[in-house]
Amino acid sequence: MPNTAKKQNIKKKKSPNGITFGMFSVIVMSMAIILILTTIKIYLSNQIYHESKVVNKMNQEVSVLGAEQMMLQQSVEALKFKNRVTDTIFTIQEDDSI
C-alpha cells in the first residue's frame, strides 16, 4: 500500500498548477484575433468616414452648381428678352426712317 500512496503523490505533483502553456497559447491567440478584428473595424470606420466627407463635399458642389445653373438660365432668358425687345425697337426705327 505504501507504493500506491507514493504513486498518488507523484500524480498530484505532476498535475498542472496555474496556467499551462496550452492555456497561455489559447489566451494569446484569442487576444491576437481580437486585436486584428478591432484594427480592421477601426480602419474600415476611418475609410467610411473619409469617403462620406468626399461624398458630402460633392453633394454640396452639386447643389451650388444647380443654383448657379438656375441663375444662368434666368440671365439667358433676360438677355433673350432684351434682344427681342431691342430687335423690335430697331426694326420699328428702321421702318420710321424709310
Foldseek 3Di string as FASTA:
>chain_A
DVVVVVVVVVVVVPDDDDDDPVNVVVVVVVVVVVVVVVVVVVVVVVVVVVVVVVVVVVVVVVVVVVVVVVVVVVVVVVVVVVVVVVVVVVVVVVVVVD
